[in-house]
Amino acid sequence: MRTRAERRHNDWKKASRKRKIAREIYSSYHEGAWEYYNNLHQYSKNKIHCSCPLCASKTNRKRKNWYGVSYNPPIRDLKQIEKLNYSIIND
């Protein structure tokens, strides 16, 4: 079980990351000192998403998309697969 201090610290980290994303993405639409939410707590409880391809990509798709890929593994899995292939070839 996590301590209250650890939960607060993790909430603060998540909220500050979401505030940074909101400032970078939505500040181009509104010039000046515009904030998405009034305080930091609202960022930790609500959703802010970056729409870049790295954040928006899904691992499994129900159907093939227009370029024919239905499985898009995470970087971690790609590294493991590459390591296994390398060990098979060099053994």
PDB file of N, CA and C in Angstrom:
ATOM      1  N   MET A   1       0.841  -1.176   0.000  1.00  0.00           N
ATOM      2  CA  MET A   1       0.000   0.000   0.000  1.00  0.00           C
ATOM      3  C   MET A   1       0.890   1.245   0.000  1.00  0.00           C
ATOM      4  N   ARG A   2       0.502   2.212  -0.764  1.00  0.00           N
ATOM      5  CA  ARG A   2       1.262   3.446  -0.875  1.00  0.00           C
ATOM      6  C   ARG A   2       0.955   4.378   0.296  1.00  0.00           C
ATOM      7  N   THR A   3       1.939   5.167   0.653  1.00  0.00           N
ATOM      8  CA  THR A   3       1.700   6.158   1.701  1.00  0.00           C
ATOM      9  C   THR A   3       1.003   7.368   1.101  1.00  0.00           C
ATOM     10  N   ARG A   4       0.436   8.172   1.945  1.00  0.00           N
ATOM     11  CA  ARG A   4      -0.261   9.363   1.481  1.00  0.00           C
ATOM     12  C   ARG A   4       0.703  10.339   0.813  1.00  0.00           C
ATOM     13  N   ALA A   5       1.921  10.424   1.361  1.00  0.00           N
ATOM     14  CA  ALA A   5       2.911  11.329   0.780  1.00  0.00           C
ATOM     15  C   ALA A   5       3.293  10.883  -0.627  1.00  0.00           C
ATOM     16  N   GLU A   6       3.404   9.574  -0.834  1.00  0.00           N
ATOM     17  CA  GLU A   6       3.750   9.067  -2.162  1.00  0.00           C
ATOM     18  C   GLU A   6       2.620   9.312  -3.153  1.00  0.00           C
ATOM     19  N   ARG A   7       1.386   9.107  -2.714  1.00  0.00           N
ATOM     20  CA  ARG A   7       0.245   9.384  -3.595  1.00  0.00           C
ATOM     21  C   ARG A   7       0.183  10.862  -3.956  1.00  0.00           C
ATOM     22  N   ARG A   8       0.403  11.741  -2.989  1.00  0.00           N
ATOM     23  CA  ARG A   8       0.382  13.178  -3.266  1.00  0.00           C
ATOM     24  C   ARG A   8       1.484  13.559  -4.248  1.00  0.00           C
ATOM     25  N   HIS A   9       2.659  12.963  -4.053  1.00  0.00           N
ATOM     26  CA  HIS A   9       3.779  13.271  -4.953  1.00  0.00           C
ATOM     27  C   HIS A   9       3.464  12.795  -6.374  1.00  0.00           C
ATOM     28  N   ASN A  10       2.896  11.592  -6.518  1.00  0.00           N
ATOM     29  CA  ASN A  10       2.545  11.084  -7.845  1.00  0.00           C
ATOM     30  C   ASN A  10       1.449  11.927  -8.484  1.00  0.00           C
ATOM     31  N   ASP A  11       0.472  12.351  -7.697  1.00  0.00           N
ATOM     32  CA  ASP A  11      -0.579  13.223  -8.228  1.00  0.00           C
ATOM     33  C   ASP A  11       0.009  14.548  -8.701  1.00  0.00           C
ATOM     34  N   TRP A  12       0.943  15.077  -7.936  1.00  0.00           N
ATOM     35  CA  TRP A  12       1.583  16.336  -8.323  1.00  0.00           C
ATOM     36  C   TRP A  12       2.364  16.164  -9.621  1.00  0.00           C
ATOM     37  N   LYS A  13       3.089  15.031  -9.766  1.00  0.00           N
ATOM     38  CA  LYS A  13       3.855  14.783 -10.992  1.00  0.00           C
ATOM     39  C   LYS A  13       2.935  14.690 -12.203  1.00  0.00           C
ATOM     40  N   LYS A  14       1.851  13.940 -12.075  1.00  0.00           N
ATOM     41  CA  LYS A  14       0.920  13.789 -13.182  1.00  0.00           C
ATOM     42  C   LYS A  14       0.273  15.117 -13.546  1.00  0.00           C
ATOM     43  N   ALA A  15      -0.113  15.875 -12.534  1.00  0.00           N
ATOM     44  CA  ALA A  15      -0.774  17.153 -12.779  1.00  0.00           C
ATOM     45  C   ALA A  15       0.175  18.145 -13.439  1.00  0.00           C
ATOM     46  N   SER A  16       1.420  18.180 -13.004  1.00  0.00           N
ATOM     47  CA  SER A  16       2.364  19.125 -13.613  1.00  0.00           C
ATOM     48  C   SER A  16       2.673  18.737 -15.051  1.00  0.00           C
ATOM     49  N   ARG A  17       2.724  17.427 -15.354  1.00  0.00           N
ATOM     50  CA  ARG A  17       2.942  16.986 -16.734  1.00  0.00           C
ATOM     51  C   ARG A  17       1.760  17.381 -17.613  1.00  0.00           C
ATOM     52  N   LYS A  18       0.535  17.180 -17.113  1.00  0.00           N
ATOM     53  CA  LYS A  18      -0.648  17.544 -17.880  1.00  0.00           C
ATOM     54  C   LYS A  18      -0.737  19.057 -18.081  1.00  0.00           C
ATOM     55  N   ARG A  19      -0.341  19.834 -17.058  1.00  0.00           N
ATOM     56  CA  ARG A  19      -0.350  21.291 -17.214  1.00  0.00           C
ATOM     57  C   ARG A  19       0.651  21.720 -18.272  1.00  0.00           C
ATOM     58  N   LYS A  20       1.811  21.063 -18.308  1.00  0.00           N
ATOM     59  CA  LYS A  20       2.825  21.373 -19.319  1.00  0.00           C
ATOM     60  C   LYS A  20       2.312  21.062 -20.721  1.00  0.00           C
ATOM     61  N   ILE A  21       1.633  19.922 -20.879  1.00  0.00           N
ATOM     62  CA  ILE A  21       1.055  19.568 -22.178  1.00  0.00           C
ATOM     63  C   ILE A  21       0.010  20.589 -22.577  1.00  0.00           C
ATOM     64  N   ALA A  22      -0.855  20.973 -21.642  1.00  0.00           N
ATOM     65  CA  ALA A  22      -1.913  21.939 -21.948  1.00  0.00           C
ATOM     66  C   ALA A  22      -1.325  23.288 -22.316  1.00  0.00           C
ATOM     67  N   ARG A  23      -0.274  23.715 -21.618  1.00  0.00           N
ATOM     68  CA  ARG A  23       0.343  25.000 -21.945  1.00  0.00           C
ATOM     69  C   ARG A  23       0.998  24.976 -23.317  1.00  0.00           C
ATOM     70  N   GLU A  24       1.639  23.862 -23.677  1.00  0.00           N
ATOM     71  CA  GLU A  24       2.315  23.781 -24.966  1.00  0.00           C
ATOM     72  C   GLU A  24       1.328  23.686 -26.121  1.00  0.00           C
ATOM     73  N   ILE A  25       0.266  22.920 -25.951  1.00  0.00           N
ATOM     74  CA  ILE A  25      -0.671  22.692 -27.052  1.00  0.00           C
ATOM     75  C   ILE A  25      -1.682  23.815 -27.179  1.00  0.00           C
ATOM     76  N   TYR A  26      -2.300  24.190 -26.056  1.00  0.00           N
ATOM     77  CA  TYR A  26      -3.408  25.132 -26.127  1.00  0.00           C
ATOM     78  C   TYR A  26      -2.980  26.594 -26.047  1.00  0.00           C
ATOM     79  N   SER A  27      -1.712  26.866 -25.733  1.00  0.00           N
ATOM     80  CA  SER A  27      -1.287  28.268 -25.691  1.00  0.00           C
ATOM     81  C   SER A  27      -1.188  28.864 -27.083  1.00  0.00           C
ATOM     82  N   SER A  28      -1.012  28.028 -28.110  1.00  0.00           N
ATOM     83  CA  SER A  28      -0.948  28.557 -29.468  1.00  0.00           C
ATOM     84  C   SER A  28      -2.316  29.055 -29.928  1.00  0.00           C
ATOM     85  N   TYR A  29      -3.388  28.484 -29.362  1.00  0.00           N
ATOM     86  CA  TYR A  29      -4.733  28.933 -29.727  1.00  0.00           C
ATOM     87  C   TYR A  29      -5.122  30.224 -29.026  1.00  0.00           C
ATOM     88  N   HIS A  30      -4.640  30.399 -27.799  1.00  0.00           N
ATOM     89  CA  HIS A  30      -4.995  31.566 -27.006  1.00  0.00           C
ATOM     90  C   HIS A  30      -3.714  32.270 -26.574  1.00  0.00           C
ATOM     91  N   GLU A  31      -3.493  33.448 -27.084  1.00  0.00           N
ATOM     92  CA  GLU A  31      -2.292  34.195 -26.715  1.00  0.00           C
ATOM     93  C   GLU A  31      -2.457  34.770 -25.319  1.00  0.00           C
ATOM     94  N   GLY A  32      -1.345  34.972 -24.655  1.00  0.00           N
ATOM     95  CA  GLY A  32      -1.375  35.557 -23.318  1.00  0.00           C
ATOM     96  C   GLY A  32      -1.284  34.490 -22.245  1.00  0.00           C
ATOM     97  N   ALA A  33      -1.616  34.879 -21.042  1.00  0.00           N
ATOM     98  CA  ALA A  33      -1.510  33.977 -19.894  1.00  0.00           C
ATOM     99  C   ALA A  33      -2.821  33.223 -19.718  1.00  0.00           C
ATOM    100  N   TRP A  34      -3.120  32.332 -20.631  1.00  0.00           N
ATOM    101  CA  TRP A  34      -4.355  31.561 -20.567  1.00  0.00           C
ATOM    102  C   TRP A  34      -4.057  30.200 -19.958  1.00  0.00           C
ATOM    103  N   GLU A  35      -4.849  29.780 -18.995  1.00  0.00           N
ATOM    104  CA  GLU A  35      -4.687  28.473 -18.362  1.00  0.00           C
ATOM    105  C   GLU A  35      -5.903  27.614 -18.681  1.00  0.00           C
ATOM    106  N   TYR A  36      -5.676  26.327 -18.871  1.00  0.00           N
ATOM    107  CA  TYR A  36      -6.762  25.393 -19.162  1.00  0.00           C
ATOM    108  C   TYR A  36      -7.652  25.207 -17.943  1.00  0.00           C
ATOM    109  N   TYR A  37      -7.034  25.050 -16.757  1.00  0.00           N
ATOM    110  CA  TYR A  37      -7.761  24.947 -15.493  1.00  0.00           C
ATOM    111  C   TYR A  37      -7.248  26.003 -14.530  1.00  0.00           C
ATOM    112  N   ASN A  38      -8.034  26.288 -13.490  1.00  0.00           N
ATOM    113  CA  ASN A  38      -7.668  27.323 -12.532  1.00  0.00           C
ATOM    114  C   ASN A  38      -6.546  26.900 -11.595  1.00  0.00           C
ATOM    115  N   ASN A  39      -6.588  25.657 -11.114  1.00  0.00           N
ATOM    116  CA  ASN A  39      -5.573  25.221 -10.168  1.00  0.00           C
ATOM    117  C   ASN A  39      -5.013  23.864 -10.571  1.00  0.00           C
ATOM    118  N   LEU A  40      -3.924  23.465  -9.932  1.00  0.00           N
ATOM    119  CA  LEU A  40      -3.203  22.242 -10.305  1.00  0.00           C
ATOM    120  C   LEU A  40      -4.010  20.986  -9.987  1.00  0.00           C
ATOM    121  N   HIS A  41      -4.841  21.013  -8.964  1.00  0.00           N
ATOM    122  CA  HIS A  41      -5.620  19.838  -8.586  1.00  0.00           C
ATOM    123  C   HIS A  41      -6.575  19.402  -9.703  1.00  0.00           C
ATOM    124  N   GLN A  42      -7.100  20.353 -10.454  1.00  0.00           N
ATOM    125  CA  GLN A  42      -8.020  20.008 -11.526  1.00  0.00           C
ATOM    126  C   GLN A  42      -7.316  19.240 -12.636  1.00  0.00           C
ATOM    127  N   TYR A  43      -6.041  19.487 -12.843  1.00  0.00           N
ATOM    128  CA  TYR A  43      -5.296  18.725 -13.843  1.00  0.00           C
ATOM    129  C   TYR A  43      -5.151  17.270 -13.421  1.00  0.00           C
ATOM    130  N   SER A  44      -4.973  17.001 -12.127  1.00  0.00           N
ATOM    131  CA  SER A  44      -4.764  15.628 -11.688  1.00  0.00           C
ATOM    132  C   SER A  44      -6.038  14.804 -11.764  1.00  0.00           C
ATOM    133  N   LYS A  45      -7.189  15.443 -11.701  1.00  0.00           N
ATOM    134  CA  LYS A  45      -8.443  14.707 -11.708  1.00  0.00           C
ATOM    135  C   LYS A  45      -9.091  14.624 -13.090  1.00  0.00           C
ATOM    136  N   ASN A  46      -8.667  15.431 -14.025  1.00  0.00           N
ATOM    137  CA  ASN A  46      -9.274  15.449 -15.349  1.00  0.00           C
ATOM    138  C   ASN A  46      -8.275  14.978 -16.389  1.00  0.00           C
ATOM    139  N   LYS A  47      -8.732  14.832 -17.624  1.00  0.00           N
ATOM    140  CA  LYS A  47      -7.893  14.258 -18.665  1.00  0.00           C
ATOM    141  C   LYS A  47      -7.409  15.340 -19.620  1.00  0.00           C
ATOM    142  N   ILE A  48      -6.119  15.326 -19.849  1.00  0.00           N
ATOM    143  CA  ILE A  48      -5.494  16.166 -20.864  1.00  0.00           C
ATOM    144  C   ILE A  48      -4.674  15.225 -21.733  1.00  0.00           C
ATOM    145  N   HIS A  49      -4.942  15.174 -23.010  1.00  0.00           N
ATOM    146  CA  HIS A  49      -4.243  14.253 -23.886  1.00  0.00           C
ATOM    147  C   HIS A  49      -3.462  15.019 -24.935  1.00  0.00           C
ATOM    148  N   CYS A  50      -2.294  14.519 -25.207  1.00  0.00           N
ATOM    149  CA  CYS A  50      -1.529  15.004 -26.348  1.00  0.00           C
ATOM    150  C   CYS A  50      -1.987  14.183 -27.544  1.00  0.00           C
ATOM    151  N   SER A  51      -2.154  14.778 -28.687  1.00  0.00           N
ATOM    152  CA  SER A  51      -2.662  14.041 -29.842  1.00  0.00           C
ATOM    153  C   SER A  51      -1.561  13.672 -30.824  1.00  0.00           C
ATOM    154  N   CYS A  52      -0.318  13.644 -30.363  1.00  0.00           N
ATOM    155  CA  CYS A  52       0.767  13.248 -31.253  1.00  0.00           C
ATOM    156  C   CYS A  52       0.672  11.752 -31.540  1.00  0.00           C
ATOM    157  N   PRO A  53       1.281  11.249 -32.602  1.00  0.00           N
ATOM    158  CA  PRO A  53       1.180   9.821 -32.937  1.00  0.00           C
ATOM    159  C   PRO A  53       1.739   8.903 -31.864  1.00  0.00           C
ATOM    160  N   LEU A  54       2.735   9.339 -31.092  1.00  0.00           N
ATOM    161  CA  LEU A  54       3.283   8.483 -30.050  1.00  0.00           C
ATOM    162  C   LEU A  54       2.279   8.274 -28.923  1.00  0.00           C
ATOM    163  N   CYS A  55       1.557   9.316 -28.551  1.00  0.00           N
ATOM    164  CA  CYS A  55       0.577   9.193 -27.472  1.00  0.00           C
ATOM    165  C   CYS A  55      -0.726   8.566 -27.961  1.00  0.00           C
ATOM    166  N   ALA A  56      -1.057   8.753 -29.232  1.00  0.00           N
ATOM    167  CA  ALA A  56      -2.341   8.305 -29.741  1.00  0.00           C
ATOM    168  C   ALA A  56      -2.313   6.888 -30.297  1.00  0.00           C
ATOM    169  N   SER A  57      -1.154   6.283 -30.451  1.00  0.00           N
ATOM    170  CA  SER A  57      -1.100   4.954 -31.057  1.00  0.00           C
ATOM    171  C   SER A  57      -1.603   3.904 -30.083  1.00  0.00           C
ATOM    172  N   LYS A  58      -2.290   2.919 -30.617  1.00  0.00           N
ATOM    173  CA  LYS A  58      -2.833   1.821 -29.824  1.00  0.00           C
ATOM    174  C   LYS A  58      -2.047   0.559 -30.157  1.00  0.00           C
ATOM    175  N   THR A  59      -2.002  -0.388 -29.214  1.00  0.00           N
ATOM    176  CA  THR A  59      -1.264  -1.628 -29.436  1.00  0.00           C
ATOM    177  C   THR A  59      -2.019  -2.547 -30.378  1.00  0.00           C
ATOM    178  N   ASN A  60      -3.266  -2.826 -30.081  1.00  0.00           N
ATOM    179  CA  ASN A  60      -4.077  -3.719 -30.919  1.00  0.00           C
ATOM    180  C   ASN A  60      -5.244  -2.943 -31.496  1.00  0.00           C
ATOM    181  N   ARG A  61      -5.491  -3.171 -32.753  1.00  0.00           N
ATOM    182  CA  ARG A  61      -6.638  -2.555 -33.415  1.00  0.00           C
ATOM    183  C   ARG A  61      -7.634  -3.652 -33.776  1.00  0.00           C
ATOM    184  N   LYS A  62      -8.898  -3.316 -33.751  1.00  0.00           N
ATOM    185  CA  LYS A  62      -9.939  -4.298 -34.081  1.00  0.00           C
ATOM    186  C   LYS A  62      -9.865  -4.694 -35.550  1.00  0.00           C
ATOM    187  N   ARG A  63      -9.534  -3.749 -36.384  1.00  0.00           N
ATOM    188  CA  ARG A  63      -9.435  -4.015 -37.816  1.00  0.00           C
ATOM    189  C   ARG A  63      -8.181  -3.351 -38.343  1.00  0.00           C
ATOM    190  N   LYS A  64      -7.817  -3.730 -39.536  1.00  0.00           N
ATOM    191  CA  LYS A  64      -6.622  -3.143 -40.129  1.00  0.00           C
ATOM    192  C   LYS A  64      -6.913  -1.709 -40.545  1.00  0.00           C
ATOM    193  N   ASN A  65      -5.942  -0.841 -40.315  1.00  0.00           N
ATOM    194  CA  ASN A  65      -6.118   0.531 -40.770  1.00  0.00           C
ATOM    195  C   ASN A  65      -5.620   0.650 -42.211  1.00  0.00           C
ATOM    196  N   TRP A  66      -5.583   1.822 -42.726  1.00  0.00           N
ATOM    197  CA  TRP A  66      -5.357   2.014 -44.154  1.00  0.00           C
ATOM    198  C   TRP A  66      -3.991   1.555 -44.636  1.00  0.00           C
ATOM    199  N   TYR A  67      -2.994   1.457 -43.754  1.00  0.00           N
ATOM    200  CA  TYR A  67      -1.706   0.957 -44.217  1.00  0.00           C
ATOM    201  C   TYR A  67      -1.479  -0.491 -43.822  1.00  0.00           C
ATOM    202  N   GLY A  68      -2.500  -1.206 -43.352  1.00  0.00           N
ATOM    203  CA  GLY A  68      -2.467  -2.641 -43.211  1.00  0.00           C
ATOM    204  C   GLY A  68      -1.867  -3.185 -41.929  1.00  0.00           C
ATOM    205  N   VAL A  69      -1.617  -2.365 -40.912  1.00  0.00           N
ATOM    206  CA  VAL A  69      -1.022  -2.849 -39.679  1.00  0.00           C
ATOM    207  C   VAL A  69      -2.108  -2.928 -38.611  1.00  0.00           C
ATOM    208  N   SER A  70      -2.278  -4.136 -38.040  1.00  0.00           N
ATOM    209  CA  SER A  70      -3.265  -4.262 -36.979  1.00  0.00           C
ATOM    210  C   SER A  70      -2.611  -4.429 -35.610  1.00  0.00           C
ATOM    211  N   TYR A  71      -1.284  -4.666 -35.562  1.00  0.00           N
ATOM    212  CA  TYR A  71      -0.574  -4.806 -34.299  1.00  0.00           C
ATOM    213  C   TYR A  71       0.563  -3.806 -34.268  1.00  0.00           C
ATOM    214  N   ASN A  72       0.542  -2.922 -33.291  1.00  0.00           N
ATOM    215  CA  ASN A  72       1.568  -1.898 -33.138  1.00  0.00           C
ATOM    216  C   ASN A  72       2.178  -2.065 -31.745  1.00  0.00           C
ATOM    217  N   PRO A  73       3.243  -2.878 -31.606  1.00  0.00           N
ATOM    218  CA  PRO A  73       3.762  -3.161 -30.259  1.00  0.00           C
ATOM    219  C   PRO A  73       4.454  -1.954 -29.644  1.00  0.00           C
ATOM    220  N   PRO A  74       4.488  -1.880 -28.317  1.00  0.00           N
ATOM    221  CA  PRO A  74       5.222  -0.810 -27.647  1.00  0.00           C
ATOM    222  C   PRO A  74       6.726  -0.956 -27.878  1.00  0.00           C
ATOM    223  N   ILE A  75       7.464   0.097 -27.612  1.00  0.00           N
ATOM    224  CA  ILE A  75       8.915   0.098 -27.815  1.00  0.00           C
ATOM    225  C   ILE A  75       9.566  -0.999 -26.970  1.00  0.00           C
ATOM    226  N   ARG A  76       9.069  -1.201 -25.765  1.00  0.00           N
ATOM    227  CA  ARG A  76       9.615  -2.228 -24.870  1.00  0.00           C
ATOM    228  C   ARG A  76       9.550  -3.606 -25.527  1.00  0.00           C
ATOM    229  N   ASP A  77       8.404  -3.938 -26.130  1.00  0.00           N
ATOM    230  CA  ASP A  77       8.265  -5.232 -26.792  1.00  0.00           C
ATOM    231  C   ASP A  77       9.134  -5.321 -28.041  1.00  0.00           C
ATOM    232  N   LEU A  78       9.254  -4.230 -28.777  1.00  0.00           N
ATOM    233  CA  LEU A  78      10.119  -4.243 -29.956  1.00  0.00           C
ATOM    234  C   LEU A  78      11.563  -4.528 -29.591  1.00  0.00           C
ATOM    235  N   LYS A  79      12.034  -3.949 -28.484  1.00  0.00           N
ATOM    236  CA  LYS A  79      13.403  -4.201 -28.038  1.00  0.00           C
ATOM    237  C   LYS A  79      13.591  -5.651 -27.639  1.00  0.00           C
ATOM    238  N   GLN A  80      12.616  -6.242 -26.956  1.00  0.00           N
ATOM    239  CA  GLN A  80      12.718  -7.642 -26.568  1.00  0.00           C
ATOM    240  C   GLN A  80      12.725  -8.561 -27.780  1.00  0.00           C
ATOM    241  N   ILE A  81      11.876  -8.285 -28.758  1.00  0.00           N
ATOM    242  CA  ILE A  81      11.832  -9.093 -29.975  1.00  0.00           C
ATOM    243  C   ILE A  81      13.149  -8.983 -30.733  1.00  0.00           C
ATOM    244  N   GLU A  82      13.693  -7.776 -30.821  1.00  0.00           N
ATOM    245  CA  GLU A  82      14.971  -7.587 -31.499  1.00  0.00           C
ATOM    246  C   GLU A  82      16.098  -8.328 -30.776  1.00  0.00           C
ATOM    247  N   LYS A  83      16.084  -8.305 -29.451  1.00  0.00           N
ATOM    248  CA  LYS A  83      17.095  -9.010 -28.665  1.00  0.00           C
ATOM    249  C   LYS A  83      17.008 -10.515 -28.882  1.00  0.00           C
ATOM    250  N   LEU A  84      15.769 -11.050 -28.924  1.00  0.00           N
ATOM    251  CA  LEU A  84      15.580 -12.480 -29.168  1.00  0.00           C
ATOM    252  C   LEU A  84      16.038 -12.874 -30.565  1.00  0.00           C
ATOM    253  N   ASN A  85      15.690 -12.076 -31.552  1.00  0.00           N
ATOM    254  CA  ASN A  85      16.134 -12.376 -32.928  1.00  0.00           C
ATOM    255  C   ASN A  85      17.644 -12.342 -33.045  1.00  0.00           C
ATOM    256  N   TYR A  86      18.277 -11.398 -32.384  1.00  0.00           N
ATOM    257  CA  TYR A  86      19.735 -11.296 -32.411  1.00  0.00           C
ATOM    258  C   TYR A  86      20.386 -12.510 -31.762  1.00  0.00           C
ATOM    259  N   SER A  87      19.801 -12.978 -30.649  1.00  0.00           N
ATOM    260  CA  SER A  87      20.383 -14.148 -29.976  1.00  0.00           C
ATOM    261  C   SER A  87      20.175 -15.422 -30.798  1.00  0.00           C
ATOM    262  N   ILE A  88      19.077 -15.518 -31.528  1.00  0.00           N
ATOM    263  CA  ILE A  88      18.837 -16.698 -32.367  1.00  0.00           C
ATOM    264  C   ILE A  88      19.829 -16.715 -33.536  1.00  0.00           C
ATOM    265  N   ILE A  89      20.054 -15.577 -34.158  1.00  0.00           N
ATOM    266  CA  ILE A  89      20.940 -15.517 -35.314  1.00  0.00           C
ATOM    267  C   ILE A  89      22.390 -15.780 -34.912  1.00  0.00           C
ATOM    268  N   ASN A  90      22.833 -15.281 -33.784  1.00  0.00           N
ATOM    269  CA  ASN A  90      24.234 -15.374 -33.393  1.00  0.00           C
ATOM    270  C   ASN A  90      24.561 -16.650 -32.618  1.00  0.00           C
ATOM    271  N   ASP A  91      23.584 -17.480 -32.337  1.00  0.00           N
ATOM    272  CA  ASP A  91      23.872 -18.734 -31.615  1.00  0.00           C
ATOM    273  C   ASP A  91      24.154 -19.879 -32.535  1.00  0.00           C
TER     274      ASP A  91
END
